[in-house]
């Protein structure tokens, strides 16, 4: 009985290990594909959409810094500066849209007069938008 038992156990363990290994292999492949998609998609978004860069800079500044360091290494000064310019334009646009939404809400929801601009600037939490508010007001 002993021999049959060990043969059964080794066969069972062997097939289980095989299934486990196959599963791990495909999990690994799927993980790699996922990484490529996330990294590729993320870098494309960072490159093509300034608002994504701005938001990432607000959430996790080191990631934005890393993007600019890589851009500097591959694209040089001109690309970095033009991307920074695009960031400023996008942030200004976001600021103006936010201000418009604020005024719309005050007027059309609550019938209040639109807030004075400096107050609106104070309400925006981010330093970027506060600086831009100053730029837009011509300070």
Protein backbone atom coordinates (compact mmCIF):
# COMPACT_ATOMS: atom_id res chain seq x y z
CA UNK A 1 0.00 0.00 0.00
CA UNK A 2 2.89 2.31 0.76
CA UNK A 3 4.24 2.36 -2.82
CA UNK A 4 0.86 3.09 -4.40
CA UNK A 5 0.29 5.88 -1.90
CA UNK A 6 3.60 7.63 -2.58
CA UNK A 7 3.12 7.24 -6.34
CA UNK A 8 -0.31 8.84 -6.01
CA UNK A 9 1.06 11.64 -3.84
CA UNK A 10 3.98 12.41 -6.19
CA UNK A 11 1.69 12.31 -9.24
CA UNK A 12 -0.82 14.58 -7.53
CA UNK A 13 1.84 17.01 -6.33
CA UNK A 14 3.51 16.95 -9.74
CA UNK A 15 0.34 17.86 -11.60
CA UNK A 16 -0.57 20.50 -8.99
CA UNK A 17 2.87 22.05 -9.30
CA UNK A 18 2.50 22.00 -13.10
CA UNK A 19 -0.87 23.77 -12.94
CA UNK A 20 0.52 26.27 -10.43
CA UNK A 21 3.56 26.96 -12.59
CA UNK A 22 1.44 27.44 -15.73
CA UNK A 23 -0.83 29.79 -13.84
CA UNK A 24 2.12 31.74 -12.46
CA UNK A 25 3.62 31.97 -15.94
CA UNK A 26 0.44 33.48 -17.39
CA UNK A 27 -0.01 35.73 -14.35
CA UNK A 28 3.53 36.97 -14.94
CA UNK A 29 2.85 37.59 -18.65
CA UNK A 30 -0.42 39.37 -17.84
CA UNK A 31 1.45 41.47 -15.26
CA UNK A 32 4.07 42.46 -17.83
CA UNK A 33 1.41 43.39 -20.39
CA UNK A 34 -0.38 45.42 -17.71
CA UNK A 35 2.84 47.24 -16.82
CA UNK A 36 3.51 48.09 -20.47
CA UNK A 37 -0.05 49.38 -20.92
CA UNK A 38 0.07 51.47 -17.73
CA UNK A 39 3.56 52.85 -18.35
CA UNK A 40 2.94 53.43 -22.06
CA UNK A 41 -0.47 54.97 -21.50
CA UNK A 42 0.80 57.03 -18.59
CA UNK A 43 3.77 58.42 -20.49
CA UNK A 44 1.57 59.16 -23.54
CA UNK A 45 -0.93 60.99 -21.33
CA UNK A 46 1.86 62.92 -19.55
CA UNK A 47 3.29 63.87 -22.93
CA UNK A 48 0.09 64.81 -24.74
CA UNK A 49 -2.15 66.28 -22.03
CA UNK A 50 -0.79 69.13 -19.88
CA UNK A 51 -3.73 68.86 -17.41
CA UNK A 52 -2.57 65.31 -16.62
CA UNK A 53 0.91 66.67 -15.82
CA UNK A 54 -0.58 69.40 -13.63
CA UNK A 55 -2.80 66.98 -11.71
CA UNK A 56 0.10 64.54 -11.26
CA UNK A 57 2.22 67.42 -10.00
CA UNK A 58 -0.45 68.23 -7.43
CA UNK A 59 -0.91 64.61 -6.32
CA UNK A 60 2.69 63.39 -6.48
CA UNK A 61 5.32 66.02 -7.39
CA UNK A 62 8.26 63.54 -7.69
CA UNK A 63 6.49 61.83 -10.61
CA UNK A 64 6.15 65.12 -12.47
CA UNK A 65 9.81 65.94 -11.73
CA UNK A 66 10.84 62.52 -13.05
CA UNK A 67 8.86 63.14 -16.24
CA UNK A 68 10.67 66.44 -16.79
CA UNK A 69 14.09 64.92 -16.06
CA UNK A 70 13.44 62.16 -18.62
CA UNK A 71 12.12 64.74 -21.11
CA UNK A 72 15.26 66.81 -20.59
CA UNK A 73 17.49 63.77 -21.20
CA UNK A 74 15.69 62.78 -24.40
CA UNK A 75 14.29 66.03 -25.76
CA UNK A 76 16.54 68.72 -24.33
CA UNK A 77 15.86 72.21 -23.04
CA UNK A 78 13.44 73.30 -25.79
CA UNK A 79 11.02 70.43 -25.21
CA UNK A 80 11.08 70.91 -21.44
CA UNK A 81 10.40 74.65 -21.70
CA UNK A 82 7.63 74.26 -24.29
CA UNK A 83 6.00 71.58 -22.11
CA UNK A 84 6.24 73.92 -19.11
CA UNK A 85 4.63 76.69 -21.19
CA UNK A 86 1.83 74.29 -22.13
CA UNK A 87 1.39 73.51 -18.41
CA UNK A 88 0.96 77.20 -17.62
CA UNK A 89 -1.58 77.64 -20.41
CA UNK A 90 -3.53 74.55 -19.36
CA UNK A 91 -3.49 75.62 -15.70
CA UNK A 92 -4.72 79.10 -16.66
CA UNK A 93 -7.50 77.51 -18.69
CA UNK A 94 -8.42 75.25 -15.76
CA UNK A 95 -8.41 78.25 -13.44
CA UNK A 96 -10.71 80.24 -15.74
CA UNK A 97 -13.08 77.27 -16.13
CA UNK A 98 -13.15 76.78 -12.37
CA UNK A 99 -13.86 80.48 -11.82
CA UNK A 100 -16.63 80.37 -14.43
CA UNK A 101 -18.17 77.31 -12.74
CA UNK A 102 -17.97 79.08 -9.38
CA UNK A 103 -19.71 82.18 -10.70
CA UNK A 104 -22.31 80.09 -12.55
CA UNK A 105 -23.12 78.14 -9.37
CA UNK A 106 -23.42 81.29 -7.27
CA UNK A 107 -25.63 83.11 -9.78
CA UNK A 108 -27.80 80.34 -11.20
CA UNK A 109 -28.13 78.03 -8.21
CA UNK A 110 -28.22 80.46 -5.32
CA UNK A 111 -28.92 83.85 -6.93
CA UNK A 112 -25.84 85.40 -5.37
CA UNK A 113 -23.61 87.92 -7.08
CA UNK A 114 -20.42 86.49 -8.50
CA UNK A 115 -17.56 86.39 -6.02
CA UNK A 116 -14.83 88.99 -6.34
CA UNK A 117 -11.81 87.56 -8.10
CA UNK A 118 -9.30 87.65 -5.19
CA UNK A 119 -11.72 85.63 -3.04
CA UNK A 120 -12.04 83.07 -5.79
CA UNK A 121 -8.25 82.90 -5.96
CA UNK A 122 -8.12 82.26 -2.21
CA UNK A 123 -10.68 79.46 -2.52
CA UNK A 124 -8.58 77.50 -5.00
CA UNK A 125 -6.49 75.23 -2.83
CA UNK A 126 -3.47 74.88 -5.05
CA UNK A 127 -0.45 77.18 -5.10
CA UNK A 128 -0.28 76.79 -8.86
CA UNK A 129 -3.72 78.29 -9.30
CA UNK A 130 -3.06 81.06 -6.77
CA UNK A 131 0.09 82.06 -8.66
CA UNK A 132 -1.78 81.90 -11.95
CA UNK A 133 -4.60 84.00 -10.57
CA UNK A 134 -1.97 86.67 -9.91
CA UNK A 135 -0.62 86.29 -13.43
CA UNK A 136 -4.11 86.54 -14.95
CA UNK A 137 -4.84 89.66 -12.87
CA UNK A 138 -1.57 91.11 -14.15
CA UNK A 139 0.40 91.25 -10.88
